[in-house]
Each structure stands twice: as structure tokens, then as C-alpha cells.
């Protein structure tokens, strides 16, 4: 089921799924060394996406936690480091694509420029 979901995301975002090999090696080394890898990427003026992959200590499909944050938090649990890297890459690419298409990330959109009453 997850592989079908990833295939659809790949097609929709028209992107390569894999981190470059050098970044994969960087992630693996950090996880082996400290149990976590973290990176912060500014992709627009004052808009930063933070990526985190860390070991959870839990067995099975929850072995790694992936978190990508940019106004919103996208999070997943993964059974393998390879899958965690793929999910982090998908989420990292998804944030700017949603912003380009829908005015995301923030409460503002193409049709709503002022904060709503429910905005914190």
C-alpha cells in the first residue's frame, strides 16, 4: 500500500525519489554516530524547512521517525532507514510544491489574504 502511495506521489510531483548518494551517506553516518540526522534548508526568503530522521528505539515498522517541518509538521514512522530517507525527501519536496500551487505554507492562500477568525 505504501509503495503505491509513493508511486503516485512520484508521478504527481514529477521528481526523482532518491536523495543523492552523498546525502544518503551523510544520513547513514549521522544515524550510526548519534541516532539522528537533522538539516535546515532555506528555500525562500525567511522560509525554512527542517528535516529530521531519528531512531526511535521501537521495533518493527516504527524503527525510524521522520519529521519535516515548515509551518506545518509532516511526520511518519518507518521500518528502514532507506524508507525514512525516501519519506523525508517526498515531504521536503511537497512543501514548496504546495506553496507554489496553493499559497502554502501558512494560513494565507490565493483567495484569502487576511487571517481568519480561527487563526492562532
PDB file of N, CA and C in Angstrom:
ATOM      1  N   UNK A   1       0.823  -1.190   0.000  1.00  0.00           N
ATOM      2  CA  UNK A   1       0.000   0.000   0.000  1.00  0.00           C
ATOM      3  C   UNK A   1       0.873   1.262   0.000  1.00  0.00           C
ATOM      4  N   UNK A   2       1.890   1.300   0.845  1.00  0.00           N
ATOM      5  CA  UNK A   2       2.757   2.469   0.908  1.00  0.00           C
ATOM      6  C   UNK A   2       3.507   2.653  -0.408  1.00  0.00           C
ATOM      7  N   UNK A   3       3.920   1.561  -1.026  1.00  0.00           N
ATOM      8  CA  UNK A   3       4.646   1.699  -2.293  1.00  0.00           C
ATOM      9  C   UNK A   3       3.757   2.287  -3.385  1.00  0.00           C
ATOM     10  N   UNK A   4       2.465   1.942  -3.385  1.00  0.00           N
ATOM     11  CA  UNK A   4       1.550   2.542  -4.369  1.00  0.00           C
ATOM     12  C   UNK A   4       1.398   4.031  -4.106  1.00  0.00           C
ATOM     13  N   UNK A   5       1.309   4.386  -2.826  1.00  0.00           N
ATOM     14  CA  UNK A   5       1.197   5.799  -2.436  1.00  0.00           C
ATOM     15  C   UNK A   5       2.435   6.563  -2.886  1.00  0.00           C
ATOM     16  N   UNK A   6       3.626   5.982  -2.662  1.00  0.00           N
ATOM     17  CA  UNK A   6       4.862   6.637  -3.082  1.00  0.00           C
ATOM     18  C   UNK A   6       4.929   6.779  -4.595  1.00  0.00           C
ATOM     19  N   UNK A   7       4.468   5.766  -5.323  1.00  0.00           N
ATOM     20  CA  UNK A   7       4.445   5.850  -6.789  1.00  0.00           C
ATOM     21  C   UNK A   7       3.557   6.996  -7.258  1.00  0.00           C
ATOM     22  N   UNK A   8       2.402   7.160  -6.633  1.00  0.00           N
ATOM     23  CA  UNK A   8       1.501   8.262  -7.003  1.00  0.00           C
ATOM     24  C   UNK A   8       2.135   9.612  -6.702  1.00  0.00           C
ATOM     25  N   UNK A   9       2.781   9.716  -5.542  1.00  0.00           N
ATOM     26  CA  UNK A   9       3.449  10.968  -5.172  1.00  0.00           C
ATOM     27  C   UNK A   9       4.564  11.268  -6.168  1.00  0.00           C
ATOM     28  N   UNK A  10       5.348  10.261  -6.532  1.00  0.00           N
ATOM     29  CA  UNK A  10       6.417  10.442  -7.522  1.00  0.00           C
ATOM     30  C   UNK A  10       5.872  11.036  -8.808  1.00  0.00           C
ATOM     31  N   UNK A  11       4.794  10.451  -9.298  1.00  0.00           N
ATOM     32  CA  UNK A  11       4.200  10.919 -10.550  1.00  0.00           C
ATOM     33  C   UNK A  11       3.658  12.327 -10.404  1.00  0.00           C
ATOM     34  N   UNK A  12       2.962  12.577  -9.316  1.00  0.00           N
ATOM     35  CA  UNK A  12       2.340  13.888  -9.114  1.00  0.00           C
ATOM     36  C   UNK A  12       3.377  14.992  -8.977  1.00  0.00           C
ATOM     37  N   UNK A  13       4.476  14.709  -8.329  1.00  0.00           N
ATOM     38  CA  UNK A  13       5.485  15.733  -8.103  1.00  0.00           C
ATOM     39  C   UNK A  13       6.546  15.767  -9.189  1.00  0.00           C
ATOM     40  N   UNK A  14       6.527  14.775 -10.096  1.00  0.00           N
ATOM     41  CA  UNK A  14       7.489  14.700 -11.187  1.00  0.00           C
ATOM     42  C   UNK A  14       8.909  14.927 -10.678  1.00  0.00           C
ATOM     43  N   UNK A  15       9.338  14.049  -9.789  1.00  0.00           N
ATOM     44  CA  UNK A  15      10.659  14.214  -9.204  1.00  0.00           C
ATOM     45  C   UNK A  15      11.352  12.885  -9.039  1.00  0.00           C
ATOM     46  N   UNK A  16      12.637  12.953  -8.874  1.00  0.00           N
ATOM     47  CA  UNK A  16      13.412  11.770  -8.549  1.00  0.00           C
ATOM     48  C   UNK A  16      13.198  11.462  -7.082  1.00  0.00           C
ATOM     49  N   UNK A  17      12.955  10.206  -6.749  1.00  0.00           N
ATOM     50  CA  UNK A  17      12.632   9.854  -5.369  1.00  0.00           C
ATOM     51  C   UNK A  17      13.830   9.837  -4.444  1.00  0.00           C
ATOM     52  N   UNK A  18      15.004   9.624  -4.950  1.00  0.00           N
ATOM     53  CA  UNK A  18      16.139   9.364  -4.077  1.00  0.00           C
ATOM     54  C   UNK A  18      16.922  10.622  -3.758  1.00  0.00           C
ATOM     55  N   UNK A  19      17.394  10.685  -2.515  1.00  0.00           N
ATOM     56  CA  UNK A  19      18.404  11.663  -2.168  1.00  0.00           C
ATOM     57  C   UNK A  19      19.632  11.319  -2.992  1.00  0.00           C
ATOM     58  N   UNK A  20      20.475  12.277  -3.293  1.00  0.00           N
ATOM     59  CA  UNK A  20      21.754  11.938  -3.916  1.00  0.00           C
ATOM     60  C   UNK A  20      22.531  10.986  -2.998  1.00  0.00           C
ATOM     61  N   UNK A  21      23.365  10.143  -3.565  1.00  0.00           N
ATOM     62  CA  UNK A  21      24.111   9.160  -2.780  1.00  0.00           C
ATOM     63  C   UNK A  21      24.943   9.805  -1.686  1.00  0.00           C
ATOM     64  N   UNK A  22      25.509  10.984  -1.969  1.00  0.00           N
ATOM     65  CA  UNK A  22      26.333  11.633  -0.952  1.00  0.00           C
ATOM     66  C   UNK A  22      25.494  12.012   0.278  1.00  0.00           C
ATOM     67  N   UNK A  23      24.255  12.454   0.053  1.00  0.00           N
ATOM     68  CA  UNK A  23      23.390  12.800   1.175  1.00  0.00           C
ATOM     69  C   UNK A  23      22.932  11.547   1.910  1.00  0.00           C
ATOM     70  N   UNK A  24      22.658  10.460   1.183  1.00  0.00           N
ATOM     71  CA  UNK A  24      22.307   9.186   1.825  1.00  0.00           C
ATOM     72  C   UNK A  24      23.418   8.759   2.774  1.00  0.00           C
ATOM     73  N   UNK A  25      24.673   8.876   2.311  1.00  0.00           N
ATOM     74  CA  UNK A  25      25.817   8.507   3.147  1.00  0.00           C
ATOM     75  C   UNK A  25      25.896   9.404   4.377  1.00  0.00           C
ATOM     76  N   UNK A  26      25.635  10.684   4.194  1.00  0.00           N
ATOM     77  CA  UNK A  26      25.639  11.632   5.310  1.00  0.00           C
ATOM     78  C   UNK A  26      24.595  11.245   6.349  1.00  0.00           C
ATOM     79  N   UNK A  27      23.400  10.885   5.902  1.00  0.00           N
ATOM     80  CA  UNK A  27      22.320  10.489   6.812  1.00  0.00           C
ATOM     81  C   UNK A  27      22.715   9.217   7.553  1.00  0.00           C
ATOM     82  N   UNK A  28      23.202   8.218   6.826  1.00  0.00           N
ATOM     83  CA  UNK A  28      23.592   6.944   7.451  1.00  0.00           C
ATOM     84  C   UNK A  28      24.681   7.148   8.506  1.00  0.00           C
ATOM     85  N   UNK A  29      25.685   7.954   8.192  1.00  0.00           N
ATOM     86  CA  UNK A  29      26.772   8.216   9.146  1.00  0.00           C
ATOM     87  C   UNK A  29      26.251   8.897  10.404  1.00  0.00           C
ATOM     88  N   UNK A  30      25.380   9.887  10.240  1.00  0.00           N
ATOM     89  CA  UNK A  30      24.835  10.602  11.395  1.00  0.00           C
ATOM     90  C   UNK A  30      23.982   9.675  12.268  1.00  0.00           C
ATOM     91  N   UNK A  31      23.165   8.833  11.632  1.00  0.00           N
ATOM     92  CA  UNK A  31      22.319   7.902  12.384  1.00  0.00           C
ATOM     93  C   UNK A  31      23.186   6.908  13.141  1.00  0.00           C
ATOM     94  N   UNK A  32      24.233   6.392  12.501  1.00  0.00           N
ATOM     95  CA  UNK A  32      25.131   5.452  13.180  1.00  0.00           C
ATOM     96  C   UNK A  32      25.864   6.119  14.337  1.00  0.00           C
ATOM     97  N   UNK A  33      26.259   7.365  14.145  1.00  0.00           N
ATOM     98  CA  UNK A  33      27.029   8.092  15.152  1.00  0.00           C
ATOM     99  C   UNK A  33      26.173   8.535  16.343  1.00  0.00           C
ATOM    100  N   UNK A  34      25.027   9.177  16.060  1.00  0.00           N
ATOM    101  CA  UNK A  34      24.269   9.788  17.152  1.00  0.00           C
ATOM    102  C   UNK A  34      22.800   9.375  17.229  1.00  0.00           C
ATOM    103  N   UNK A  35      22.343   8.584  16.246  1.00  0.00           N
ATOM    104  CA  UNK A  35      20.941   8.166  16.253  1.00  0.00           C
ATOM    105  C   UNK A  35      19.995   9.161  15.608  1.00  0.00           C
ATOM    106  N   UNK A  36      20.535  10.271  15.078  1.00  0.00           N
ATOM    107  CA  UNK A  36      19.676  11.259  14.423  1.00  0.00           C
ATOM    108  C   UNK A  36      20.443  12.056  13.378  1.00  0.00           C
ATOM    109  N   UNK A  37      19.698  12.524  12.383  1.00  0.00           N
ATOM    110  CA  UNK A  37      20.215  13.401  11.336  1.00  0.00           C
ATOM    111  C   UNK A  37      19.239  14.551  11.219  1.00  0.00           C
ATOM    112  N   UNK A  38      19.761  15.749  11.109  1.00  0.00           N
ATOM    113  CA  UNK A  38      18.903  16.929  11.023  1.00  0.00           C
ATOM    114  C   UNK A  38      19.512  17.921  10.047  1.00  0.00           C
ATOM    115  N   UNK A  39      18.638  18.581   9.282  1.00  0.00           N
ATOM    116  CA  UNK A  39      19.071  19.603   8.335  1.00  0.00           C
ATOM    117  C   UNK A  39      17.997  20.670   8.235  1.00  0.00           C
ATOM    118  N   UNK A  40      18.432  21.907   8.039  1.00  0.00           N
ATOM    119  CA  UNK A  40      17.515  23.035   7.873  1.00  0.00           C
ATOM    120  C   UNK A  40      17.838  23.698   6.542  1.00  0.00           C
ATOM    121  N   UNK A  41      16.829  23.830   5.707  1.00  0.00           N
ATOM    122  CA  UNK A  41      17.022  24.332   4.341  1.00  0.00           C
ATOM    123  C   UNK A  41      16.142  25.564   4.119  1.00  0.00           C
ATOM    124  N   UNK A  42      16.775  26.709   3.819  1.00  0.00           N
ATOM    125  CA  UNK A  42      16.013  27.906   3.469  1.00  0.00           C
ATOM    126  C   UNK A  42      15.767  27.866   1.965  1.00  0.00           C
ATOM    127  N   UNK A  43      14.520  27.755   1.560  1.00  0.00           N
ATOM    128  CA  UNK A  43      14.188  27.624   0.134  1.00  0.00           C
ATOM    129  C   UNK A  43      13.514  28.870  -0.413  1.00  0.00           C
ATOM    130  N   UNK A  44      13.267  29.817   0.448  1.00  0.00           N
ATOM    131  CA  UNK A  44      12.657  31.086   0.086  1.00  0.00           C
ATOM    132  C   UNK A  44      13.050  32.045   1.188  1.00  0.00           C
ATOM    133  N   UNK A  45      13.056  33.329   0.968  1.00  0.00           N
ATOM    134  CA  UNK A  45      13.479  34.267   1.997  1.00  0.00           C
ATOM    135  C   UNK A  45      12.678  34.033   3.275  1.00  0.00           C
ATOM    136  N   UNK A  46      13.391  33.749   4.361  1.00  0.00           N
ATOM    137  CA  UNK A  46      12.816  33.515   5.691  1.00  0.00           C
ATOM    138  C   UNK A  46      11.838  32.339   5.743  1.00  0.00           C
ATOM    139  N   UNK A  47      11.918  31.427   4.807  1.00  0.00           N
ATOM    140  CA  UNK A  47      11.097  30.220   4.830  1.00  0.00           C
ATOM    141  C   UNK A  47      12.044  29.032   4.898  1.00  0.00           C
ATOM    142  N   UNK A  48      12.020  28.370   6.046  1.00  0.00           N
ATOM    143  CA  UNK A  48      12.964  27.286   6.296  1.00  0.00           C
ATOM    144  C   UNK A  48      12.203  25.983   6.498  1.00  0.00           C
ATOM    145  N   UNK A  49      12.676  24.945   5.837  1.00  0.00           N
ATOM    146  CA  UNK A  49      12.150  23.604   6.047  1.00  0.00           C
ATOM    147  C   UNK A  49      13.176  22.839   6.870  1.00  0.00           C
ATOM    148  N   UNK A  50      12.731  22.256   7.969  1.00  0.00           N
ATOM    149  CA  UNK A  50      13.597  21.459   8.832  1.00  0.00           C
ATOM    150  C   UNK A  50      13.281  19.987   8.640  1.00  0.00           C
ATOM    151  N   UNK A  51      14.313  19.190   8.433  1.00  0.00           N
ATOM    152  CA  UNK A  51      14.167  17.753   8.256  1.00  0.00           C
ATOM    153  C   UNK A  51      14.852  17.041   9.408  1.00  0.00           C
ATOM    154  N   UNK A  52      14.229  15.987   9.903  1.00  0.00           N
ATOM    155  CA  UNK A  52      14.784  15.192  10.996  1.00  0.00           C
ATOM    156  C   UNK A  52      14.495  13.720  10.725  1.00  0.00           C
ATOM    157  N   UNK A  53      15.510  12.897  10.846  1.00  0.00           N
ATOM    158  CA  UNK A  53      15.352  11.444  10.841  1.00  0.00           C
ATOM    159  C   UNK A  53      16.059  10.960  12.098  1.00  0.00           C
ATOM    160  N   UNK A  54      15.360  10.168  12.897  1.00  0.00           N
ATOM    161  CA  UNK A  54      15.983   9.653  14.108  1.00  0.00           C
ATOM    162  C   UNK A  54      15.503   8.246  14.421  1.00  0.00           C
ATOM    163  N   UNK A  55      16.379   7.490  15.105  1.00  0.00           N
ATOM    164  CA  UNK A  55      15.992   6.170  15.581  1.00  0.00           C
ATOM    165  C   UNK A  55      15.032   6.338  16.744  1.00  0.00           C
ATOM    166  N   UNK A  56      14.027   5.482  16.821  1.00  0.00           N
ATOM    167  CA  UNK A  56      13.037   5.594  17.893  1.00  0.00           C
ATOM    168  C   UNK A  56      13.289   4.619  19.039  1.00  0.00           C
ATOM    169  N   UNK A  57      13.998   3.541  18.765  1.00  0.00           N
ATOM    170  CA  UNK A  57      14.158   2.502  19.773  1.00  0.00           C
ATOM    171  C   UNK A  57      12.979   1.546  19.803  1.00  0.00           C
ATOM    172  N   UNK A  58      11.993   1.790  18.950  1.00  0.00           N
ATOM    173  CA  UNK A  58      10.826   0.917  18.857  1.00  0.00           C
ATOM    174  C   UNK A  58      11.090  -0.152  17.795  1.00  0.00           C
ATOM    175  N   UNK A  59      10.466  -1.306  17.936  1.00  0.00           N
ATOM    176  CA  UNK A  59      10.687  -2.381  16.959  1.00  0.00           C
ATOM    177  C   UNK A  59       9.804  -2.230  15.716  1.00  0.00           C
ATOM    178  N   UNK A  60      10.156  -2.995  14.697  1.00  0.00           N
ATOM    179  CA  UNK A  60       9.295  -3.139  13.525  1.00  0.00           C
ATOM    180  C   UNK A  60       9.148  -1.883  12.698  1.00  0.00           C
ATOM    181  N   UNK A  61       7.908  -1.621  12.303  1.00  0.00           N
ATOM    182  CA  UNK A  61       7.643  -0.543  11.349  1.00  0.00           C
ATOM    183  C   UNK A  61       7.819   0.851  11.943  1.00  0.00           C
ATOM    184  N   UNK A  62       8.046   0.970  13.241  1.00  0.00           N
ATOM    185  CA  UNK A  62       8.222   2.275  13.887  1.00  0.00           C
ATOM    186  C   UNK A  62       9.686   2.536  14.271  1.00  0.00           C
ATOM    187  N   UNK A  63      10.624   1.883  13.612  1.00  0.00           N
ATOM    188  CA  UNK A  63      12.038   1.956  13.982  1.00  0.00           C
ATOM    189  C   UNK A  63      12.637   3.348  13.783  1.00  0.00           C
ATOM    190  N   UNK A  64      12.177   4.088  12.756  1.00  0.00           N
ATOM    191  CA  UNK A  64      12.700   5.436  12.481  1.00  0.00           C
ATOM    192  C   UNK A  64      11.545   6.435  12.433  1.00  0.00           C
ATOM    193  N   UNK A  65      11.802   7.627  12.948  1.00  0.00           N
ATOM    194  CA  UNK A  65      10.818   8.708  12.885  1.00  0.00           C
ATOM    195  C   UNK A  65      11.346   9.759  11.922  1.00  0.00           C
ATOM    196  N   UNK A  66      10.489  10.170  11.004  1.00  0.00           N
ATOM    197  CA  UNK A  66      10.806  11.219  10.036  1.00  0.00           C
ATOM    198  C   UNK A  66       9.912  12.401  10.357  1.00  0.00           C
ATOM    199  N   UNK A  67      10.494  13.575  10.414  1.00  0.00           N
ATOM    200  CA  UNK A  67       9.702  14.784  10.640  1.00  0.00           C
ATOM    201  C   UNK A  67      10.209  15.880   9.722  1.00  0.00           C
ATOM    202  N   UNK A  68       9.297  16.479   8.977  1.00  0.00           N
ATOM    203  CA  UNK A  68       9.617  17.615   8.114  1.00  0.00           C
ATOM    204  C   UNK A  68       8.686  18.741   8.530  1.00  0.00           C
ATOM    205  N   UNK A  69       9.282  19.886   8.824  1.00  0.00           N
ATOM    206  CA  UNK A  69       8.507  20.992   9.392  1.00  0.00           C
ATOM    207  C   UNK A  69       8.759  22.281   8.624  1.00  0.00           C
ATOM    208  N   UNK A  70       7.663  22.941   8.262  1.00  0.00           N
ATOM    209  CA  UNK A  70       7.698  24.263   7.649  1.00  0.00           C
ATOM    210  C   UNK A  70       6.291  24.831   7.820  1.00  0.00           C
ATOM    211  N   UNK A  71       6.038  25.527   8.877  1.00  0.00           N
ATOM    212  CA  UNK A  71       4.716  25.979   9.309  1.00  0.00           C
ATOM    213  C   UNK A  71       3.856  24.806   9.781  1.00  0.00           C
ATOM    214  N   UNK A  72       3.862  23.720   9.046  1.00  0.00           N
ATOM    215  CA  UNK A  72       3.150  22.502   9.431  1.00  0.00           C
ATOM    216  C   UNK A  72       4.181  21.430   9.735  1.00  0.00           C
ATOM    217  N   UNK A  73       3.766  20.378  10.401  1.00  0.00           N
ATOM    218  CA  UNK A  73       4.648  19.256  10.688  1.00  0.00           C
ATOM    219  C   UNK A  73       4.114  18.026   9.965  1.00  0.00           C
ATOM    220  N   UNK A  74       4.937  17.450   9.103  1.00  0.00           N
ATOM    221  CA  UNK A  74       4.619  16.195   8.428  1.00  0.00           C
ATOM    222  C   UNK A  74       5.508  15.140   9.072  1.00  0.00           C
ATOM    223  N   UNK A  75       4.897  14.062   9.529  1.00  0.00           N
ATOM    224  CA  UNK A  75       5.653  13.065  10.280  1.00  0.00           C
ATOM    225  C   UNK A  75       5.257  11.662   9.878  1.00  0.00           C
ATOM    226  N   UNK A  76       6.221  10.752   9.928  1.00  0.00           N
ATOM    227  CA  UNK A  76       5.959   9.341   9.609  1.00  0.00           C
ATOM    228  C   UNK A  76       6.890   8.465  10.428  1.00  0.00           C
ATOM    229  N   UNK A  77       6.491   7.221  10.617  1.00  0.00           N
ATOM    230  CA  UNK A  77       7.336   6.189  11.231  1.00  0.00           C
ATOM    231  C   UNK A  77       7.675   5.190  10.128  1.00  0.00           C
ATOM    232  N   UNK A  78       8.917   4.748  10.087  1.00  0.00           N
ATOM    233  CA  UNK A  78       9.373   3.885   9.002  1.00  0.00           C
ATOM    234  C   UNK A  78      10.145   2.691   9.544  1.00  0.00           C
ATOM    235  N   UNK A  79      10.050   1.548   8.851  1.00  0.00           N
ATOM    236  CA  UNK A  79      10.756   0.351   9.304  1.00  0.00           C
ATOM    237  C   UNK A  79      12.242   0.331   8.945  1.00  0.00           C
ATOM    238  N   UNK A  80      12.636   1.057   7.891  1.00  0.00           N
ATOM    239  CA  UNK A  80      14.034   1.039   7.454  1.00  0.00           C
ATOM    240  C   UNK A  80      14.536   2.467   7.254  1.00  0.00           C
ATOM    241  N   UNK A  81      15.845   2.602   7.314  1.00  0.00           N
ATOM    242  CA  UNK A  81      16.447   3.910   7.086  1.00  0.00           C
ATOM    243  C   UNK A  81      16.242   4.354   5.635  1.00  0.00           C
ATOM    244  N   UNK A  82      16.317   3.420   4.698  1.00  0.00           N
ATOM    245  CA  UNK A  82      16.082   3.775   3.294  1.00  0.00           C
ATOM    246  C   UNK A  82      14.694   4.362   3.094  1.00  0.00           C
ATOM    247  N   UNK A  83      13.693   3.748   3.703  1.00  0.00           N
ATOM    248  CA  UNK A  83      12.325   4.265   3.587  1.00  0.00           C
ATOM    249  C   UNK A  83      12.211   5.622   4.275  1.00  0.00           C
ATOM    250  N   UNK A  84      12.873   5.792   5.411  1.00  0.00           N
ATOM    251  CA  UNK A  84      12.839   7.078   6.113  1.00  0.00           C
ATOM    252  C   UNK A  84      13.433   8.184   5.245  1.00  0.00           C
ATOM    253  N   UNK A  85      14.517   7.884   4.549  1.00  0.00           N
ATOM    254  CA  UNK A  85      15.144   8.860   3.660  1.00  0.00           C
ATOM    255  C   UNK A  85      14.202   9.214   2.513  1.00  0.00           C
ATOM    256  N   UNK A  86      13.547   8.225   1.933  1.00  0.00           N
ATOM    257  CA  UNK A  86      12.589   8.481   0.843  1.00  0.00           C
ATOM    258  C   UNK A  86      11.438   9.359   1.312  1.00  0.00           C
ATOM    259  N   UNK A  87      10.877   9.037   2.473  1.00  0.00           N
ATOM    260  CA  UNK A  87       9.748   9.815   3.007  1.00  0.00           C
ATOM    261  C   UNK A  87      10.186  11.250   3.289  1.00  0.00           C
ATOM    262  N   UNK A  88      11.363  11.440   3.887  1.00  0.00           N
ATOM    263  CA  UNK A  88      11.860  12.793   4.152  1.00  0.00           C
ATOM    264  C   UNK A  88      11.987  13.574   2.849  1.00  0.00           C
ATOM    265  N   UNK A  89      12.468  12.917   1.811  1.00  0.00           N
ATOM    266  CA  UNK A  89      12.627  13.569   0.513  1.00  0.00           C
ATOM    267  C   UNK A  89      11.278  13.957  -0.083  1.00  0.00           C
ATOM    268  N   UNK A  90      10.304  13.059  -0.009  1.00  0.00           N
ATOM    269  CA  UNK A  90       8.964  13.362  -0.517  1.00  0.00           C
ATOM    270  C   UNK A  90       8.378  14.560   0.223  1.00  0.00           C
ATOM    271  N   UNK A  91       8.428  14.530   1.541  1.00  0.00           N
ATOM    272  CA  UNK A  91       7.871  15.640   2.333  1.00  0.00           C
ATOM    273  C   UNK A  91       8.610  16.945   2.055  1.00  0.00           C
ATOM    274  N   UNK A  92       9.947  16.869   1.924  1.00  0.00           N
ATOM    275  CA  UNK A  92      10.734  18.076   1.660  1.00  0.00           C
ATOM    276  C   UNK A  92      10.326  18.706   0.331  1.00  0.00           C
ATOM    277  N   UNK A  93      10.101  17.884  -0.690  1.00  0.00           N
ATOM    278  CA  UNK A  93       9.692  18.386  -1.996  1.00  0.00           C
ATOM    279  C   UNK A  93       8.237  18.842  -2.013  1.00  0.00           C
ATOM    280  N   UNK A  94       7.413  18.218  -1.202  1.00  0.00           N
ATOM    281  CA  UNK A  94       5.985  18.521  -1.175  1.00  0.00           C
ATOM    282  C   UNK A  94       5.709  19.943  -0.676  1.00  0.00           C
ATOM    283  N   UNK A  95       6.439  20.395   0.326  1.00  0.00           N
ATOM    284  CA  UNK A  95       6.176  21.707   0.932  1.00  0.00           C
ATOM    285  C   UNK A  95       6.260  22.842  -0.093  1.00  0.00           C
ATOM    286  N   UNK A  96       7.375  23.018  -0.831  1.00  0.00           N
ATOM    287  CA  UNK A  96       7.408  24.117  -1.806  1.00  0.00           C
ATOM    288  C   UNK A  96       6.424  23.935  -2.956  1.00  0.00           C
ATOM    289  N   UNK A  97       6.170  22.685  -3.351  1.00  0.00           N
ATOM    290  CA  UNK A  97       5.210  22.449  -4.437  1.00  0.00           C
ATOM    291  C   UNK A  97       3.805  22.880  -4.020  1.00  0.00           C
ATOM    292  N   UNK A  98       3.425  22.588  -2.786  1.00  0.00           N
ATOM    293  CA  UNK A  98       2.121  23.033  -2.297  1.00  0.00           C
ATOM    294  C   UNK A  98       2.068  24.559  -2.213  1.00  0.00           C
ATOM    295  N   UNK A  99       3.168  25.167  -1.783  1.00  0.00           N
ATOM    296  CA  UNK A  99       3.209  26.626  -1.713  1.00  0.00           C
ATOM    297  C   UNK A  99       3.042  27.229  -3.113  1.00  0.00           C
ATOM    298  N   UNK A 100       3.733  26.660  -4.116  1.00  0.00           N
ATOM    299  CA  UNK A 100       3.613  27.173  -5.484  1.00  0.00           C
ATOM    300  C   UNK A 100       2.197  27.030  -6.017  1.00  0.00           C
ATOM    301  N   UNK A 101       1.566  25.910  -5.715  1.00  0.00           N
ATOM    302  CA  UNK A 101       0.238  25.632  -6.267  1.00  0.00           C
ATOM    303  C   UNK A 101      -0.892  26.291  -5.486  1.00  0.00           C
ATOM    304  N   UNK A 102      -0.729  26.414  -4.157  1.00  0.00           N
ATOM    305  CA  UNK A 102      -1.867  26.833  -3.326  1.00  0.00           C
ATOM    306  C   UNK A 102      -1.565  27.969  -2.359  1.00  0.00           C
ATOM    307  N   UNK A 103      -0.374  28.540  -2.431  1.00  0.00           N
ATOM    308  CA  UNK A 103      -0.045  29.598  -1.486  1.00  0.00           C
ATOM    309  C   UNK A 103       0.320  29.049  -0.126  1.00  0.00           C
ATOM    310  N   UNK A 104       0.667  27.800  -0.049  1.00  0.00           N
ATOM    311  CA  UNK A 104       1.003  27.095   1.193  1.00  0.00           C
ATOM    312  C   UNK A 104       2.484  27.239   1.421  1.00  0.00           C
ATOM    313  N   UNK A 105       3.100  27.271   2.548  1.00  0.00           N
ATOM    314  CA  UNK A 105       2.618  27.036   3.881  1.00  0.00           C
ATOM    315  C   UNK A 105       2.298  28.335   4.624  1.00  0.00           C
ATOM    316  N   UNK A 106       1.146  28.444   5.101  1.00  0.00           N
ATOM    317  CA  UNK A 106       0.660  29.480   6.010  1.00  0.00           C
ATOM    318  C   UNK A 106      -0.852  29.468   5.921  1.00  0.00           C
ATOM    319  N   UNK A 107      -1.491  30.308   6.686  1.00  0.00           N
ATOM    320  CA  UNK A 107      -2.956  30.361   6.618  1.00  0.00           C
ATOM    321  C   UNK A 107      -3.401  31.119   5.380  1.00  0.00           C
ATOM    322  N   UNK A 108      -2.509  31.937   4.798  1.00  0.00           N
ATOM    323  CA  UNK A 108      -2.885  32.708   3.612  1.00  0.00           C
ATOM    324  C   UNK A 108      -2.951  31.807   2.384  1.00  0.00           C
ATOM    325  N   UNK A 109      -3.783  32.178   1.446  1.00  0.00           N
ATOM    326  CA  UNK A 109      -3.882  31.451   0.183  1.00  0.00           C
ATOM    327  C   UNK A 109      -4.166  32.454  -0.929  1.00  0.00           C
ATOM    328  N   UNK A 110      -4.303  31.984  -2.127  1.00  0.00           N
ATOM    329  CA  UNK A 110      -4.583  32.884  -3.245  1.00  0.00           C
ATOM    330  C   UNK A 110      -5.917  33.597  -3.067  1.00  0.00           C
ATOM    331  N   UNK A 111      -6.859  32.974  -2.371  1.00  0.00           N
ATOM    332  CA  UNK A 111      -8.175  33.579  -2.198  1.00  0.00           C
ATOM    333  C   UNK A 111      -8.387  34.171  -0.799  1.00  0.00           C
ATOM    334  N   UNK A 112      -7.448  33.979   0.116  1.00  0.00           N
ATOM    335  CA  UNK A 112      -7.590  34.509   1.474  1.00  0.00           C
ATOM    336  C   UNK A 112      -6.276  35.148   1.896  1.00  0.00           C
ATOM    337  N   UNK A 113      -6.250  36.474   1.942  1.00  0.00           N
ATOM    338  CA  UNK A 113      -5.031  37.183   2.305  1.00  0.00           C
ATOM    339  C   UNK A 113      -5.023  37.666   3.751  1.00  0.00           C
ATOM    340  N   UNK A 114      -6.165  37.665   4.387  1.00  0.00           N
ATOM    341  CA  UNK A 114      -6.241  38.074   5.791  1.00  0.00           C
ATOM    342  C   UNK A 114      -6.481  36.845   6.663  1.00  0.00           C
ATOM    343  N   UNK A 115      -5.973  36.893   7.878  1.00  0.00           N
ATOM    344  CA  UNK A 115      -6.159  35.778   8.803  1.00  0.00           C
ATOM    345  C   UNK A 115      -7.632  35.594   9.135  1.00  0.00           C
ATOM    346  N   UNK A 116      -8.048  34.337   9.231  1.00  0.00           N
ATOM    347  CA  UNK A 116      -9.427  34.028   9.613  1.00  0.00           C
ATOM    348  C   UNK A 116      -9.597  34.135  11.116  1.00  0.00           C
ATOM    349  N   UNK A 117     -10.836  34.072  11.560  1.00  0.00           N
ATOM    350  CA  UNK A 117     -11.119  34.163  12.994  1.00  0.00           C
ATOM    351  C   UNK A 117     -10.529  32.995  13.772  1.00  0.00           C
ATOM    352  N   UNK A 118     -10.366  31.841  13.144  1.00  0.00           N
ATOM    353  CA  UNK A 118      -9.827  30.671  13.834  1.00  0.00           C
ATOM    354  C   UNK A 118      -8.302  30.598  13.795  1.00  0.00           C
ATOM    355  N   UNK A 119      -7.629  31.612  13.211  1.00  0.00           N
ATOM    356  CA  UNK A 119      -6.168  31.608  13.118  1.00  0.00           C
ATOM    357  C   UNK A 119      -5.562  31.979  14.455  1.00  0.00           C
ATOM    358  N   UNK A 120      -4.551  31.232  14.818  1.00  0.00           N
ATOM    359  CA  UNK A 120      -3.874  31.488  16.104  1.00  0.00           C
ATOM    360  C   UNK A 120      -2.732  32.441  15.895  1.00  0.00           C
TER     361      UNK A 120
END
